[in-house]
C-alpha atoms as a PDB file:
ATOM      1  CA  MET A   1     105.737 148.341  92.623  1.00  0.00           C
ATOM      2  CA  ARG A   2     108.229 145.759  91.416  1.00  0.00           C
ATOM      3  CA  SER A   3     110.826 146.809  88.931  1.00  0.00           C
ATOM      4  CA  PRO A   4     111.097 144.892  85.611  1.00  0.00           C
ATOM      5  CA  GLN A   5     114.549 143.696  86.688  1.00  0.00           C
ATOM      6  CA  ARG A   6     113.252 142.137  89.937  1.00  0.00           C
ATOM      7  CA  THR A   7     110.310 140.515  88.165  1.00  0.00           C
ATOM      8  CA  HIS A   8     112.597 139.098  85.495  1.00  0.00           C
ATOM      9  CA  GLY A   9     115.016 137.842  88.164  1.00  0.00           C
ATOM     10  CA  ALA A  10     112.243 136.119  90.088  1.00  0.00           C
ATOM     11  CA  SER A  11     111.031 134.478  86.889  1.00  0.00           C
ATOM     12  CA  LEU A  12     114.501 133.158  86.133  1.00  0.00           C
ATOM     13  CA  ALA A  13     114.814 131.798  89.687  1.00  0.00           C
ATOM     14  CA  VAL A  14     111.526 129.909  89.402  1.00  0.00           C
ATOM     15  CA  ARG A  15     112.266 128.299  86.036  1.00  0.00           C
ATOM     16  CA  PRO A  16     114.830 125.758  87.344  1.00  0.00           C
ATOM     17  CA  LEU A  17     112.403 124.711  90.092  1.00  0.00           C
ATOM     18  CA  VAL A  18     109.631 124.170  87.562  1.00  0.00           C
ATOM     19  CA  ARG A  19     112.008 122.274  85.278  1.00  0.00           C
ATOM     20  CA  ASP A  20     113.214 119.979  88.063  1.00  0.00           C
ATOM     21  CA  SER A  21     109.703 119.511  89.452  1.00  0.00           C
ATOM     22  CA  SER A  22     108.450 118.454  86.039  1.00  0.00           C
ATOM     23  CA  LEU A  23     110.322 115.158  86.417  1.00  0.00           C
ATOM     24  CA  VAL A  24     108.326 114.396  89.552  1.00  0.00           C
ATOM     25  CA  TRP A  25     105.105 115.564  87.900  1.00  0.00           C
ATOM     26  CA  LEU A  26     105.699 113.241  84.964  1.00  0.00           C
ATOM     27  CA  ALA A  27     106.269 110.258  87.233  1.00  0.00           C
ATOM     28  CA  SER A  28     103.220 111.211  89.285  1.00  0.00           C
ATOM     29  CA  GLY A  29     101.003 111.454  86.239  1.00  0.00           C
ATOM     30  CA  ILE A  30     102.087 108.040  84.962  1.00  0.00           C
ATOM     31  CA  VAL A  31     101.504 106.345  88.316  1.00  0.00           C
ATOM     32  CA  GLY A  32      98.205 108.239  88.694  1.00  0.00           C
ATOM     33  CA  VAL A  33      96.989 106.795  85.382  1.00  0.00           C
ATOM     34  CA  SER A  34      97.943 103.351  86.673  1.00  0.00           C
ATOM     35  CA  PHE A  35      96.049 103.882  89.933  1.00  0.00           C
ATOM     36  CA  GLY A  36      92.892 105.070  88.205  1.00  0.00           C
ATOM     37  CA  ALA A  37      92.980 102.234  85.696  1.00  0.00           C
ATOM     38  CA  VAL A  38      93.650  99.548  88.307  1.00  0.00           C
ATOM     39  CA  SER A  39      90.828 100.794  90.510  1.00  0.00           C
ATOM     40  CA  VAL A  40      88.170 100.889  87.782  1.00  0.00           C
ATOM     41  CA  ALA A  41      89.371  97.726  86.054  1.00  0.00           C
ATOM     42  CA  GLY A  42      89.090  95.961  89.417  1.00  0.00           C
ATOM     43  CA  GLY A  43      85.417  96.842  89.683  1.00  0.00           C
ATOM     44  CA  LEU A  44      85.321 100.048  91.725  1.00  0.00           C
ATOM     45  CA  PRO A  45      83.080 102.927  90.576  1.00  0.00           C
ATOM     46  CA  LEU A  46      84.906 105.688  88.708  1.00  0.00           C
ATOM     47  CA  TRP A  47      84.245 108.241  91.449  1.00  0.00           C
ATOM     48  CA  VAL A  48      86.093 106.215  94.126  1.00  0.00           C
ATOM     49  CA  PRO A  49      89.694 106.699  92.859  1.00  0.00           C
ATOM     50  CA  VAL A  50      88.909 110.272  91.763  1.00  0.00           C
ATOM     51  CA  VAL A  51      87.498 111.414  95.115  1.00  0.00           C
ATOM     52  CA  MET A  52      90.158 109.471  97.027  1.00  0.00           C
ATOM     53  CA  SER A  53      92.905 111.232  95.085  1.00  0.00           C
ATOM     54  CA  VAL A  54      91.548 114.661  95.973  1.00  0.00           C
ATOM     55  CA  VAL A  55      90.727 113.962  99.626  1.00  0.00           C
ATOM     56  CA  VAL A  56      93.364 111.426 100.671  1.00  0.00           C
ATOM     57  CA  TYR A  57      96.084 112.342  98.144  1.00  0.00           C
ATOM     58  CA  ALA A  58      98.700 109.758  99.059  1.00  0.00           C
ATOM     59  CA  GLY A  59      99.886 107.362  96.382  1.00  0.00           C
ATOM     60  CA  SER A  60     101.054 104.373  98.414  1.00  0.00           C
ATOM     61  CA  ALA A  61      98.153 104.666 100.864  1.00  0.00           C
ATOM     62  CA  GLN A  62      95.665 104.860  97.987  1.00  0.00           C
ATOM     63  CA  PHE A  63      97.098 101.801  96.245  1.00  0.00           C
ATOM     64  CA  SER A  64      97.036  99.858  99.518  1.00  0.00           C
ATOM     65  CA  ALA A  65      93.478 100.929 100.391  1.00  0.00           C
ATOM     66  CA  VAL A  66      92.200  99.972  96.933  1.00  0.00           C
ATOM     67  CA  GLY A  67      94.066  96.675  97.209  1.00  0.00           C
ATOM     68  CA  VAL A  68      92.187  95.923 100.427  1.00  0.00           C
ATOM     69  CA  LEU A  69      88.846  96.840  98.831  1.00  0.00           C
ATOM     70  CA  LEU A  70      89.469  94.737  95.727  1.00  0.00           C
ATOM     71  CA  ALA A  71      90.514  91.804  97.914  1.00  0.00           C
ATOM     72  CA  GLY A  72      87.142  91.913  99.648  1.00  0.00           C
ATOM     73  CA  GLY A  73      88.029  93.984 102.692  1.00  0.00           C
ATOM     74  CA  GLY A  74      85.664  96.579 104.086  1.00  0.00           C
ATOM     75  CA  PRO A  75      85.981 100.379 104.056  1.00  0.00           C
ATOM     76  CA  LEU A  76      87.224 100.446 107.661  1.00  0.00           C
ATOM     77  CA  ALA A  77      90.056  98.009 106.898  1.00  0.00           C
ATOM     78  CA  ALA A  78      90.988 100.036 103.812  1.00  0.00           C
ATOM     79  CA  ALA A  79      90.987 103.297 105.791  1.00  0.00           C
ATOM     80  CA  ALA A  80      93.094 101.765 108.580  1.00  0.00           C
ATOM     81  CA  THR A  81      95.661 100.569 106.029  1.00  0.00           C
ATOM     82  CA  GLY A  82      95.901 104.025 104.488  1.00  0.00           C
ATOM     83  CA  LEU A  83      96.259 105.712 107.874  1.00  0.00           C
ATOM     84  CA  LEU A  84      99.038 103.335 108.895  1.00  0.00           C
ATOM     85  CA  LEU A  85     101.044 104.023 105.765  1.00  0.00           C
ATOM     86  CA  ASN A  86     100.516 107.766 106.063  1.00  0.00           C
ATOM     87  CA  THR A  87     101.873 108.042 109.609  1.00  0.00           C
ATOM     88  CA  ARG A  88     105.278 108.780 108.070  1.00  0.00           C
ATOM     89  CA  THR A  89     103.992 112.150 106.891  1.00  0.00           C
ATOM     90  CA  ALA A  90     103.851 113.291 110.528  1.00  0.00           C
ATOM     91  CA  ALA A  91     107.659 113.319 110.571  1.00  0.00           C
ATOM     92  CA  PHE A  92     107.731 114.926 107.123  1.00  0.00           C
ATOM     93  CA  SER A  93     105.402 117.708 108.307  1.00  0.00           C
ATOM     94  CA  LEU A  94     107.716 118.529 111.191  1.00  0.00           C
ATOM     95  CA  ALA A  95     110.626 118.763 108.755  1.00  0.00           C
ATOM     96  CA  VAL A  96     108.896 121.357 106.554  1.00  0.00           C
ATOM     97  CA  ALA A  97     106.705 123.171 109.113  1.00  0.00           C
ATOM     98  CA  GLU A  98     108.822 126.341 108.962  1.00  0.00           C
ATOM     99  CA  THR A  99     109.105 126.066 105.195  1.00  0.00           C
ATOM    100  CA  ILE A 100     105.323 126.100 104.708  1.00  0.00           C
ATOM    101  CA  GLY A 101     104.909 129.173 106.918  1.00  0.00           C
ATOM    102  CA  GLY A 102     101.905 131.484 106.554  1.00  0.00           C
ATOM    103  CA  GLY A 103      98.639 131.531 108.481  1.00  0.00           C
ATOM    104  CA  ARG A 104      96.308 128.744 109.488  1.00  0.00           C
ATOM    105  CA  LEU A 105      94.751 128.292 106.038  1.00  0.00           C
ATOM    106  CA  THR A 106      98.158 128.250 104.354  1.00  0.00           C
ATOM    107  CA  ARG A 107      99.415 125.623 106.773  1.00  0.00           C
ATOM    108  CA  LEU A 108      96.286 123.536 106.239  1.00  0.00           C
ATOM    109  CA  VAL A 109      96.739 123.559 102.474  1.00  0.00           C
ATOM    110  CA  GLY A 110     100.473 122.967 102.850  1.00  0.00           C
ATOM    111  CA  ALA A 111      99.883 119.983 105.136  1.00  0.00           C
ATOM    112  CA  HIS A 112      97.690 118.404 102.471  1.00  0.00           C
ATOM    113  CA  LEU A 113     100.517 118.789  99.932  1.00  0.00           C
ATOM    114  CA  VAL A 114     103.134 117.094 102.135  1.00  0.00           C
ATOM    115  CA  THR A 115     104.390 114.000 100.319  1.00  0.00           C
ATOM    116  CA  ASP A 116     107.677 112.135 100.021  1.00  0.00           C
ATOM    117  CA  GLU A 117     108.402 114.031  96.805  1.00  0.00           C
ATOM    118  CA  THR A 118     107.559 117.579  97.913  1.00  0.00           C
ATOM    119  CA  VAL A 119     109.514 117.216 101.154  1.00  0.00           C
ATOM    120  CA  ALA A 120     112.560 115.737  99.409  1.00  0.00           C
ATOM    121  CA  PHE A 121     112.496 118.456  96.753  1.00  0.00           C
ATOM    122  CA  ALA A 122     112.097 121.260  99.290  1.00  0.00           C
ATOM    123  CA  LEU A 123     114.792 120.044 101.680  1.00  0.00           C
ATOM    124  CA  ALA A 124     117.234 119.659  98.803  1.00  0.00           C
ATOM    125  CA  GLN A 125     117.317 123.476  98.547  1.00  0.00           C
ATOM    126  CA  GLN A 126     119.770 125.372 100.749  1.00  0.00           C
ATOM    127  CA  ASP A 127     118.189 128.837 100.758  1.00  0.00           C
ATOM    128  CA  PRO A 128     115.001 129.199 102.925  1.00  0.00           C
ATOM    129  CA  ASP A 129     113.157 131.278 100.304  1.00  0.00           C
ATOM    130  CA  ARG A 130     114.068 128.852  97.555  1.00  0.00           C
ATOM    131  CA  ARG A 131     113.046 125.964  99.815  1.00  0.00           C
ATOM    132  CA  ARG A 132     109.602 127.512 100.314  1.00  0.00           C
ATOM    133  CA  ALA A 133     109.195 128.155  96.589  1.00  0.00           C
ATOM    134  CA  ALA A 134     110.283 124.594  95.800  1.00  0.00           C
ATOM    135  CA  PHE A 135     107.726 123.161  98.222  1.00  0.00           C
ATOM    136  CA  TRP A 136     104.789 125.099  96.781  1.00  0.00           C
ATOM    137  CA  ILE A 137     105.789 124.720  93.133  1.00  0.00           C
ATOM    138  CA  SER A 138     106.379 120.993  93.392  1.00  0.00           C
ATOM    139  CA  GLY A 139     103.422 120.444  95.727  1.00  0.00           C
ATOM    140  CA  LEU A 140     100.750 122.281  93.730  1.00  0.00           C
ATOM    141  CA  GLY A 141     101.994 120.882  90.427  1.00  0.00           C
ATOM    142  CA  LEU A 142     102.159 117.363  91.800  1.00  0.00           C
ATOM    143  CA  PHE A 143      98.623 117.587  93.180  1.00  0.00           C
ATOM    144  CA  ALA A 144      97.247 118.799  89.847  1.00  0.00           C
ATOM    145  CA  VAL A 145      99.093 116.245  87.702  1.00  0.00           C
ATOM    146  CA  TRP A 146      98.355 113.326  90.060  1.00  0.00           C
ATOM    147  CA  ASN A 147      94.627 114.003  90.011  1.00  0.00           C
ATOM    148  CA  ALA A 148      94.582 114.560  86.259  1.00  0.00           C
ATOM    149  CA  GLY A 149      96.408 111.252  85.789  1.00  0.00           C
ATOM    150  CA  VAL A 150      94.006 109.389  88.063  1.00  0.00           C
ATOM    151  CA  LEU A 151      91.010 110.812  86.215  1.00  0.00           C
ATOM    152  CA  ALA A 152      92.485 109.820  82.838  1.00  0.00           C
ATOM    153  CA  GLY A 153      93.305 106.333  84.100  1.00  0.00           C
ATOM    154  CA  ALA A 154      89.846 105.893  85.586  1.00  0.00           C
ATOM    155  CA  PHE A 155      88.246 106.738  82.232  1.00  0.00           C
ATOM    156  CA  ALA A 156      90.661 104.415  80.447  1.00  0.00           C
ATOM    157  CA  GLY A 157      89.628 101.602  82.804  1.00  0.00           C
ATOM    158  CA  SER A 158      90.687  98.200  81.651  1.00  0.00           C
ATOM    159  CA  ALA A 159      91.854  99.431  78.222  1.00  0.00           C
ATOM    160  CA  LEU A 160      95.449  99.656  79.466  1.00  0.00           C
ATOM    161  CA  GLY A 161      95.571  95.975  80.346  1.00  0.00           C
ATOM    162  CA  ASP A 162      97.915  94.793  83.077  1.00  0.00           C
ATOM    163  CA  THR A 163      99.469  98.065  84.340  1.00  0.00           C
ATOM    164  CA  ALA A 164     102.086  96.171  86.391  1.00  0.00           C
ATOM    165  CA  ARG A 165     103.924  95.099  83.236  1.00  0.00           C
ATOM    166  CA  TYR A 166     104.954  98.688  82.507  1.00  0.00           C
ATOM    167  CA  GLY A 167     107.113  98.898  85.633  1.00  0.00           C
ATOM    168  CA  LEU A 168     105.394 102.089  86.803  1.00  0.00           C
ATOM    169  CA  ASP A 169     106.250 101.356  90.421  1.00  0.00           C
ATOM    170  CA  ALA A 170     109.895 102.230  89.690  1.00  0.00           C
ATOM    171  CA  ALA A 171     109.158 105.795  88.606  1.00  0.00           C
ATOM    172  CA  PHE A 172     108.801 107.422  92.036  1.00  0.00           C
ATOM    173  CA  PRO A 173     111.825 105.735  93.691  1.00  0.00           C
ATOM    174  CA  ALA A 174     114.039 106.742  90.772  1.00  0.00           C
ATOM    175  CA  VAL A 175     112.977 110.383  91.004  1.00  0.00           C
ATOM    176  CA  LEU A 176     113.377 110.453  94.792  1.00  0.00           C
ATOM    177  CA  VAL A 177     116.911 109.078  94.581  1.00  0.00           C
ATOM    178  CA  ALA A 178     117.802 111.807  92.095  1.00  0.00           C
ATOM    179  CA  LEU A 179     116.421 114.464  94.440  1.00  0.00           C
ATOM    180  CA  VAL A 180     118.202 113.362  97.608  1.00  0.00           C
ATOM    181  CA  LEU A 181     121.608 112.517  96.119  1.00  0.00           C
ATOM    182  CA  PRO A 182     122.985 116.093  96.429  1.00  0.00           C
ATOM    183  CA  THR A 183     122.138 116.182 100.159  1.00  0.00           C
ATOM    184  CA  LEU A 184     123.582 112.710 100.738  1.00  0.00           C
ATOM    185  CA  ARG A 185     126.854 113.799  99.160  1.00  0.00           C
ATOM    186  CA  THR A 186     127.249 116.929 101.281  1.00  0.00           C
ATOM    187  CA  ASP A 187     125.647 116.112 104.659  1.00  0.00           C
ATOM    188  CA  ARG A 188     127.284 113.320 106.669  1.00  0.00           C
ATOM    189  CA  ALA A 189     124.563 113.289 109.328  1.00  0.00           C
ATOM    190  CA  VAL A 190     121.869 112.762 106.700  1.00  0.00           C
ATOM    191  CA  ARG A 191     124.009 110.122 105.000  1.00  0.00           C
ATOM    192  CA  ARG A 192     124.356 108.120 108.241  1.00  0.00           C
ATOM    193  CA  SER A 193     120.602 108.244 108.849  1.00  0.00           C
ATOM    194  CA  ALA A 194     119.795 107.315 105.261  1.00  0.00           C
ATOM    195  CA  LEU A 195     122.104 104.298 105.266  1.00  0.00           C
ATOM    196  CA  LEU A 196     120.661 102.963 108.519  1.00  0.00           C
ATOM    197  CA  GLY A 197     117.094 103.591 107.366  1.00  0.00           C
ATOM    198  CA  ALA A 198     117.723 101.863 104.031  1.00  0.00           C
ATOM    199  CA  ALA A 199     119.301  98.849 105.742  1.00  0.00           C
ATOM    200  CA  LEU A 200     116.379  98.489 108.144  1.00  0.00           C
ATOM    201  CA  ALA A 201     113.820  98.874 105.340  1.00  0.00           C
ATOM    202  CA  LEU A 202     115.533  96.211 103.234  1.00  0.00           C
ATOM    203  CA  ALA A 203     115.733  93.847 106.210  1.00  0.00           C
ATOM    204  CA  VAL A 204     112.000  93.934 106.949  1.00  0.00           C
ATOM    205  CA  THR A 205     110.714  94.126 103.355  1.00  0.00           C
ATOM    206  CA  PRO A 206     110.210  90.338 102.906  1.00  0.00           C
ATOM    207  CA  ALA A 207     108.226  90.060 106.133  1.00  0.00           C
ATOM    208  CA  VAL A 208     105.894  93.086 106.229  1.00  0.00           C
ATOM    209  CA  PRO A 209     103.174  94.588 103.967  1.00  0.00           C
ATOM    210  CA  ALA A 210     104.057  97.140 101.294  1.00  0.00           C
ATOM    211  CA  GLY A 211     104.593 100.620 102.700  1.00  0.00           C
ATOM    212  CA  VAL A 212     105.597  99.492 106.183  1.00  0.00           C
ATOM    213  CA  PRO A 213     109.347  99.430 105.343  1.00  0.00           C
ATOM    214  CA  VAL A 214     109.102 103.201 104.783  1.00  0.00           C
ATOM    215  CA  LEU A 215     107.906 103.599 108.373  1.00  0.00           C
ATOM    216  CA  VAL A 216     110.672 101.364 109.671  1.00  0.00           C
ATOM    217  CA  ALA A 217     113.227 103.437 107.752  1.00  0.00           C
ATOM    218  CA  LEU A 218     112.360 106.420 109.964  1.00  0.00           C
ATOM    219  CA  CYS A 219     114.293 104.660 112.738  1.00  0.00           C
ATOM    220  CA  GLY A 220     117.409 105.856 110.926  1.00  0.00           C
ATOM    221  CA  LEU A 221     116.723 109.292 112.391  1.00  0.00           C
ATOM    222  CA  VAL A 222     118.280 108.127 115.676  1.00  0.00           C
ATOM    223  CA  LEU A 223     121.667 108.707 114.011  1.00  0.00           C
ATOM    224  CA  HIS A 224     120.824 112.187 112.816  1.00  0.00           C
ATOM    225  CA  ARG A 225     123.213 114.066 115.059  1.00  0.00           C
ATOM    226  CA  PRO A 226     125.154 116.629 113.029  1.00  0.00           C
ATOM    227  CA  ALA A 227     128.885 116.417 113.563  1.00  0.00           C
ATOM    228  CA  GLN A 228     130.579 119.244 115.383  1.00  0.00           C
ATOM    229  CA  GLY A 229     130.900 122.234 113.111  1.00  0.00           C
ATOM    230  CA  GLU A 230     128.187 121.118 110.662  1.00  0.00           C
ATOM    231  CA  VAL A 231     125.441 123.082 112.432  1.00  0.00           C
ATOM    232  CA  THR A 232     127.206 126.419 112.128  1.00  0.00           C
ATOM    233  CA  ALA A 233     128.277 125.680 108.589  1.00  0.00           C
ATOM    234  CA  ARG A 234     124.729 125.318 107.265  1.00  0.00           C
END
């Protein structure tokens, strides 16, 4: 049986994670409202963005797939677009495989929660236990808020008007930058990879569809070779 002191200590340790995750949840909810509204206002049935958000659960892939559908493309073309953009999560899953832990069911649920935000938030933690807690807290909260936002936006439909004018697309990048800055300041190997990845992504952005620069940025991993002494120091 846990002592009151241990329970209180665990509660205090979780509070900062919830507080920091709430920034990501807020951004997710706002963008989710935008996605639901854009989908329904464009002519899709309400159930399409709602079911897609539960089953697919990938913001950029969902926006791209809906864009294909609204442009007249078929379901296969939309699915192929989403799959292409989501290939980056394969690398993300490898990065947090040990963090997710647990049995087969736990890993299955954890794999569904792997996103840019949950991985960045988890890997920003130094302690393995705190990293695991950060992944599950941010992941479960993000999933709930994203789907709630999509549902609200779908019901709102065209009432919001042109959602692009609100600049909602800047919310996620801003939060991600805030999450990874501490690691970039302290880990030279990560900093080298990030700089190369960012340069490559910026170079190809004018010539490729949205979402593809993220995949190209993964090429920065070729420089991720920790300097001598950094491995033992971590």
